[in-house]
Amino acid sequence: MWTYVIRRLVAIPLMLFVLSFVLFLLVWTLPGDAAFATVAGIEEARNLDAWRAEFGLDRPWHVQYFDWLGGIITGDFGKSLTPPYDPVSRSITERLPNTIEIGLVTVLLSAAVSLPVGIISAVRRNTFLDYLLRTGTILGISIPNFWLGTLVIIYAIVWFDWNPIQDYATFTEEPLRNLSIIIFPAAVLAYSGAAYTARIVRSSMLEVFYSDHVRTARAKGLRERVVISRHVFRSALIPVLTVIGLQLGGILGGAIVAEQIFAIPGIGLLTLEALLARDYPLILVTVMIFAGIFMFITLLVDILYTRVDPRIRY
């Protein structure tokens, strides 16, 4: 087990290196650069060239990349190429907690809704309640997050004369105000995730319902609630854990859309701003943070497999 974990931990930096290299090439091949995006209004070309020389954008691409990579290895993430030219580490430190908070609230909401809905739908299969819940899950999978978030803002203003987009406050400053702002993007992201997870819970439980060990548990005279909770649901957890782990990565990606719609100053919005400005130091670091978190989550899910099902060994 530990050999497997160590091997995975060693592979993560190598995968991040390959990701950063490919991502840098993609950004470098885009038309324009940070200098053009920032000072496009300057009429004199020499000022534009001077700006590129000051930030090293006039050097060959491989020199720029390995210079950036050397800084990363030594713990220097560099500076942003757009005003006010803050250090990348400062921007990440300020905004990453906001995105993590949205992700955690989203996961909690998704689990709180998807697990009961999936279990009830499986236990009450082929009834009116089952059809109603399945309709809701299909809608959740089908509706895009950006469209649902836009509707939430529009109807909150039209029906309640209240705008959910407010000046952001951190949890440490104003907890209640912070949660009142975070809950809307988290709920929008949680709906689609909960819908997909609920369908996986239902289908996984239906596969286990008529297995031999479940029939044996019923033959022993165990209560139906005990059979469902201890034998059916636990046996169906493996695919559910896989889906939840993959959704965590999807939530981080969806935060880009949610933060843009609800004006949340998180790392998702920072990534979008960096892409528009061709700010490659910010782009590379933010995307690598998303990728690194996703890789660690998948490793954690693999470890949880052994806890849920003792038959699994690495």
Protein backbone atom coordinates (compact mmCIF):
# COMPACT_ATOMS: atom_id res chain seq x y z
CA MET A 1 0.00 0.00 0.00
CA TRP A 2 2.68 2.51 1.01
CA THR A 3 4.75 1.59 -2.03
CA TYR A 4 1.79 2.45 -4.22
CA VAL A 5 1.23 5.78 -2.44
CA ILE A 6 4.90 6.77 -2.70
CA ARG A 7 4.94 5.86 -6.40
CA ARG A 8 1.91 8.04 -7.02
CA LEU A 9 3.40 10.95 -5.04
CA VAL A 10 6.60 10.72 -7.09
CA ALA A 11 4.61 10.74 -10.34
CA ILE A 12 2.64 13.88 -9.47
CA PRO A 13 5.56 16.37 -9.93
CA LEU A 14 6.46 14.70 -13.24
CA MET A 15 2.90 15.04 -14.51
CA LEU A 16 2.78 18.67 -13.39
CA PHE A 17 6.04 19.34 -15.26
CA VAL A 18 4.62 17.90 -18.49
CA LEU A 19 1.40 19.86 -17.97
CA SER A 20 3.25 23.14 -17.43
CA PHE A 21 5.39 22.59 -20.55
CA VAL A 22 2.41 21.86 -22.80
CA LEU A 23 0.40 24.71 -21.30
CA PHE A 24 3.25 27.18 -21.80
CA LEU A 25 3.53 26.21 -25.47
CA LEU A 26 -0.22 26.69 -25.93
CA VAL A 27 -0.15 30.13 -24.31
CA TRP A 28 2.98 31.15 -26.23
CA THR A 29 1.44 30.20 -29.59
CA LEU A 30 -1.66 32.35 -28.97
CA PRO A 31 -1.74 35.58 -30.99
CA GLY A 32 -0.57 38.57 -28.98
CA ASP A 33 1.11 38.59 -25.58
CA ALA A 34 0.80 40.24 -22.17
CA ALA A 35 2.52 43.37 -23.47
CA PHE A 36 0.01 43.82 -26.29
CA ALA A 37 -2.95 43.06 -23.99
CA THR A 38 -1.75 45.55 -21.38
CA VAL A 39 -0.42 48.46 -23.41
CA ALA A 40 -2.34 48.06 -26.67
CA GLY A 41 -3.32 51.71 -26.47
CA ILE A 42 0.25 52.94 -26.67
CA GLU A 43 0.89 54.44 -30.06
CA GLU A 44 4.68 54.31 -30.06
CA ALA A 45 6.01 50.89 -30.86
CA ARG A 46 9.22 51.48 -28.95
CA ASN A 47 7.30 51.67 -25.67
CA LEU A 48 5.75 48.31 -26.44
CA ASP A 49 9.16 46.83 -27.20
CA ALA A 50 10.60 48.37 -24.04
CA TRP A 51 7.80 46.78 -22.01
CA ARG A 52 8.52 43.38 -23.55
CA ALA A 53 12.24 43.75 -22.82
CA GLU A 54 11.58 44.77 -19.22
CA PHE A 55 9.55 41.61 -18.51
CA GLY A 56 11.67 39.31 -20.68
CA LEU A 57 8.98 38.63 -23.26
CA ASP A 58 11.41 39.35 -26.09
CA ARG A 59 13.49 36.27 -25.24
CA PRO A 60 13.06 32.84 -26.92
CA TRP A 61 10.18 30.75 -25.55
CA HIS A 62 12.41 28.05 -24.07
CA VAL A 63 14.45 30.65 -22.17
CA GLN A 64 11.25 32.15 -20.74
CA TYR A 65 9.90 28.73 -19.74
CA PHE A 66 13.00 27.39 -18.03
CA ASP A 67 13.55 30.72 -16.29
CA TRP A 68 10.00 30.46 -14.92
CA LEU A 69 10.52 26.78 -14.02
CA GLY A 70 13.74 27.59 -12.17
CA GLY A 71 11.88 30.15 -10.10
CA ILE A 72 9.15 27.62 -9.28
CA ILE A 73 11.73 25.09 -8.05
CA THR A 74 13.25 27.71 -5.75
CA GLY A 75 9.83 28.85 -4.51
CA ASP A 76 9.66 32.06 -6.56
CA PHE A 77 6.42 32.13 -8.57
CA GLY A 78 7.40 35.38 -10.27
CA LYS A 79 5.31 38.50 -10.81
CA SER A 80 2.13 39.07 -12.72
CA LEU A 81 2.56 40.67 -16.14
CA THR A 82 -0.51 42.86 -15.73
CA PRO A 83 -1.06 45.91 -13.47
CA PRO A 84 -0.49 46.25 -10.56
CA TYR A 85 2.21 43.61 -11.20
CA ASP A 86 1.73 41.87 -7.85
CA PRO A 87 3.72 38.75 -6.99
CA VAL A 88 1.88 35.63 -8.16
CA SER A 89 2.20 34.06 -4.71
CA ARG A 90 0.31 37.00 -3.15
CA SER A 91 -2.54 36.75 -5.66
CA ILE A 92 -2.82 33.00 -5.09
CA THR A 93 -2.72 33.36 -1.29
CA GLU A 94 -5.48 35.97 -1.35
CA ARG A 95 -7.85 34.17 -3.73
CA LEU A 96 -7.30 30.43 -3.29
CA PRO A 97 -9.15 30.22 0.10
CA ASN A 98 -12.27 31.69 -1.52
CA THR A 99 -12.31 29.01 -4.23
CA ILE A 100 -11.61 26.24 -1.71
CA GLU A 101 -14.52 27.48 0.40
CA ILE A 102 -16.85 27.36 -2.61
CA GLY A 103 -15.61 23.84 -3.38
CA LEU A 104 -16.14 22.57 0.18
CA VAL A 105 -19.64 24.06 0.46
CA THR A 106 -20.48 22.63 -2.96
CA VAL A 107 -19.35 19.14 -1.98
CA LEU A 108 -21.30 19.27 1.30
CA LEU A 109 -24.47 20.43 -0.45
CA SER A 110 -24.05 17.87 -3.22
CA ALA A 111 -23.53 14.97 -0.80
CA ALA A 112 -26.38 16.08 1.47
CA VAL A 113 -28.78 16.02 -1.49
CA SER A 114 -27.46 13.27 -3.77
CA LEU A 115 -27.07 10.43 -1.24
CA PRO A 116 -30.63 10.58 0.19
CA VAL A 117 -32.14 11.14 -3.27
CA GLY A 118 -30.21 8.22 -4.77
CA ILE A 119 -31.07 5.88 -1.89
CA ILE A 120 -34.77 6.80 -1.88
CA SER A 121 -34.94 6.46 -5.67
CA ALA A 122 -33.39 3.00 -5.49
CA VAL A 123 -35.54 1.78 -2.58
CA ARG A 124 -38.75 3.20 -4.14
CA ARG A 125 -37.79 2.15 -7.66
CA ASN A 126 -40.43 2.36 -10.40
CA THR A 127 -42.81 4.38 -8.22
CA PHE A 128 -44.09 7.90 -8.77
CA LEU A 129 -41.51 9.25 -6.28
CA ASP A 130 -38.73 7.50 -8.18
CA TYR A 131 -39.87 8.98 -11.50
CA LEU A 132 -40.12 12.45 -9.92
CA LEU A 133 -36.62 12.27 -8.44
CA ARG A 134 -35.15 10.93 -11.68
CA THR A 135 -36.74 13.79 -13.60
CA GLY A 136 -35.06 16.24 -11.25
CA THR A 137 -31.69 14.57 -11.71
CA ILE A 138 -32.00 14.59 -15.50
CA LEU A 139 -32.74 18.32 -15.40
CA GLY A 140 -29.74 18.87 -13.15
CA ILE A 141 -27.43 17.08 -15.56
CA SER A 142 -28.88 18.85 -18.60
CA ILE A 143 -28.95 22.47 -17.40
CA PRO A 144 -25.61 24.32 -17.87
CA ASN A 145 -24.21 25.96 -14.75
CA PHE A 146 -23.77 29.37 -16.37
CA TRP A 147 -27.42 29.43 -17.50
CA LEU A 148 -28.72 28.37 -14.09
CA GLY A 149 -26.53 30.93 -12.34
CA THR A 150 -27.82 33.66 -14.64
CA LEU A 151 -31.42 32.67 -13.88
CA VAL A 152 -30.73 32.76 -10.14
CA ILE A 153 -29.49 36.34 -10.39
CA ILE A 154 -32.31 37.51 -12.69
CA TYR A 155 -35.17 35.98 -10.68
CA ALA A 156 -33.69 37.08 -7.35
CA ILE A 157 -33.79 40.66 -8.64
CA VAL A 158 -37.21 40.41 -10.36
CA TRP A 159 -39.09 38.43 -7.70
CA PHE A 160 -37.42 39.51 -4.47
CA ASP A 161 -35.89 42.85 -5.50
CA TRP A 162 -32.56 41.59 -4.15
CA ASN A 163 -29.23 41.25 -5.92
CA PRO A 164 -27.19 38.19 -4.85
CA ILE A 165 -24.03 39.82 -6.26
CA GLN A 166 -22.60 41.78 -3.33
CA ASP A 167 -19.29 43.14 -2.17
CA TYR A 168 -17.32 40.10 -1.08
CA ALA A 169 -16.46 39.54 2.59
CA THR A 170 -14.21 36.74 3.84
CA PHE A 171 -15.40 34.16 6.35
CA THR A 172 -13.01 35.44 9.03
CA GLU A 173 -14.32 38.99 8.66
CA GLU A 174 -18.09 38.44 8.42
CA PRO A 175 -19.08 34.74 8.56
CA LEU A 176 -22.81 35.16 7.96
CA ARG A 177 -22.36 37.66 5.13
CA ASN A 178 -19.71 35.44 3.58
CA LEU A 179 -21.99 32.38 3.64
CA SER A 180 -24.88 34.40 2.19
CA ILE A 181 -22.65 35.24 -0.78
CA ILE A 182 -21.01 31.82 -1.17
CA ILE A 183 -24.21 29.78 -0.96
CA PHE A 184 -25.52 30.84 -4.39
CA PRO A 185 -22.54 29.82 -6.58
CA ALA A 186 -22.10 26.71 -4.43
CA ALA A 187 -25.76 25.74 -4.88
CA VAL A 188 -25.55 26.26 -8.64
CA LEU A 189 -22.48 24.00 -8.87
CA ALA A 190 -23.94 21.47 -6.42
CA TYR A 191 -27.16 20.93 -8.39
CA SER A 192 -25.51 19.33 -11.41
CA GLY A 193 -23.06 17.38 -9.25
CA ALA A 194 -25.79 16.11 -6.94
CA ALA A 195 -27.96 15.09 -9.88
CA TYR A 196 -25.23 12.97 -11.46
CA THR A 197 -24.15 11.44 -8.14
CA ALA A 198 -27.75 10.56 -7.24
CA ARG A 199 -28.15 8.62 -10.49
CA ILE A 200 -24.90 6.75 -9.82
CA VAL A 201 -26.05 5.92 -6.27
CA ARG A 202 -29.37 4.60 -7.58
CA SER A 203 -27.88 2.44 -10.34
CA SER A 204 -25.11 1.10 -8.07
CA MET A 205 -27.57 0.14 -5.35
CA LEU A 206 -29.89 -1.57 -7.83
CA GLU A 207 -26.99 -3.73 -8.98
CA VAL A 208 -26.39 -4.87 -5.39
CA PHE A 209 -30.02 -5.28 -4.27
CA TYR A 210 -30.36 -8.86 -5.51
CA SER A 211 -26.81 -10.08 -4.88
CA ASP A 212 -26.16 -13.18 -2.77
CA HIS A 213 -24.88 -11.45 0.36
CA VAL A 214 -27.93 -9.16 0.45
CA ARG A 215 -30.30 -12.14 0.15
CA THR A 216 -28.36 -13.84 2.94
CA ALA A 217 -28.70 -10.78 5.16
CA ARG A 218 -32.46 -10.73 4.58
CA ALA A 219 -32.66 -14.47 5.25
CA LYS A 220 -31.02 -13.88 8.64
CA GLY A 221 -33.94 -11.70 9.59
CA LEU A 222 -32.15 -8.36 9.56
CA ARG A 223 -34.30 -5.27 9.30
CA GLU A 224 -34.61 -3.75 5.85
CA ARG A 225 -33.06 -0.51 7.06
CA VAL A 226 -29.99 -2.40 8.31
CA VAL A 227 -29.75 -4.38 5.07
CA ILE A 228 -29.82 -1.21 2.99
CA SER A 229 -27.38 0.79 5.11
CA ARG A 230 -24.81 -1.91 5.92
CA HIS A 231 -24.94 -4.26 2.96
CA VAL A 232 -26.46 -2.52 -0.06
CA PHE A 233 -25.21 1.05 0.31
CA ARG A 234 -21.70 0.13 1.43
CA SER A 235 -21.27 -2.29 -1.46
CA ALA A 236 -22.36 0.45 -3.86
CA LEU A 237 -19.89 3.03 -2.52
CA ILE A 238 -16.98 2.25 -4.87
CA PRO A 239 -18.45 3.89 -8.01
CA VAL A 240 -19.94 6.67 -5.86
CA LEU A 241 -16.51 7.54 -4.43
CA THR A 242 -15.08 7.58 -7.96
CA VAL A 243 -17.75 10.00 -9.17
CA ILE A 244 -17.41 12.30 -6.15
CA GLY A 245 -13.63 12.40 -6.58
CA LEU A 246 -13.93 13.30 -10.25
CA GLN A 247 -16.57 15.90 -9.46
CA LEU A 248 -14.24 17.69 -7.07
CA GLY A 249 -11.97 18.40 -10.01
CA GLY A 250 -14.98 19.47 -12.04
CA ILE A 251 -16.09 21.82 -9.26
CA LEU A 252 -12.71 23.57 -9.36
CA GLY A 253 -13.12 24.04 -13.09
CA GLY A 254 -16.73 25.14 -12.69
CA ALA A 255 -15.60 27.74 -10.17
CA ILE A 256 -14.26 29.77 -13.10
CA VAL A 257 -17.80 30.20 -14.43
CA ALA A 258 -19.46 30.60 -11.04
CA GLU A 259 -16.97 33.17 -9.81
CA GLN A 260 -17.33 35.15 -13.02
CA ILE A 261 -21.14 35.21 -12.80
CA PHE A 262 -21.36 35.98 -9.08
CA ALA A 263 -18.24 38.22 -8.96
CA ILE A 264 -16.43 36.07 -6.39
CA PRO A 265 -12.72 37.01 -6.14
CA GLY A 266 -11.43 33.46 -6.32
CA ILE A 267 -8.69 31.68 -8.19
CA GLY A 268 -11.12 30.70 -10.96
CA LEU A 269 -11.82 34.35 -11.80
CA LEU A 270 -8.09 35.05 -11.49
CA THR A 271 -7.37 32.34 -14.07
CA LEU A 272 -9.90 33.81 -16.49
CA GLU A 273 -8.42 37.29 -16.10
CA ALA A 274 -4.92 35.89 -16.65
CA LEU A 275 -6.02 34.08 -19.82
CA LEU A 276 -7.50 37.25 -21.28
CA ALA A 277 -4.30 39.17 -20.48
CA ARG A 278 -1.92 36.39 -21.67
CA ASP A 279 -0.36 36.54 -18.20
CA TYR A 280 1.49 33.22 -18.43
CA PRO A 281 3.03 33.20 -14.89
CA LEU A 282 -0.47 33.42 -13.41
CA ILE A 283 -1.96 31.01 -15.93
CA LEU A 284 0.63 28.31 -15.33
CA VAL A 285 0.51 28.51 -11.53
CA THR A 286 -3.29 28.57 -11.25
CA VAL A 287 -3.82 25.69 -13.68
CA MET A 288 -1.10 23.65 -11.96
CA ILE A 289 -2.81 24.27 -8.62
CA PHE A 290 -6.09 22.95 -10.06
CA ALA A 291 -4.28 19.94 -11.52
CA GLY A 292 -2.31 19.25 -8.33
CA ILE A 293 -5.44 19.33 -6.17
CA PHE A 294 -7.22 17.01 -8.59
CA MET A 295 -4.29 14.54 -8.56
CA PHE A 296 -4.20 14.46 -4.77
CA ILE A 297 -7.97 13.96 -4.64
CA THR A 298 -7.78 10.97 -6.98
CA LEU A 299 -5.01 9.50 -4.81
CA LEU A 300 -7.16 9.98 -1.71
CA VAL A 301 -10.10 8.27 -3.44
CA ASP A 302 -7.90 5.31 -4.36
CA ILE A 303 -6.84 5.00 -0.71
CA LEU A 304 -10.48 5.17 0.44
CA TYR A 305 -11.27 2.22 -1.82
CA THR A 306 -9.30 -0.04 0.51
CA ARG A 307 -11.32 1.20 3.50
CA VAL A 308 -14.67 0.66 1.83
CA ASP A 309 -13.81 -2.71 0.27
CA PRO A 310 -11.11 -4.73 2.14
CA ARG A 311 -10.71 -6.98 -0.92
CA ILE A 312 -8.97 -4.17 -2.82
CA ARG A 313 -5.18 -4.25 -2.53
CA TYR A 314 -2.48 -2.24 -4.25
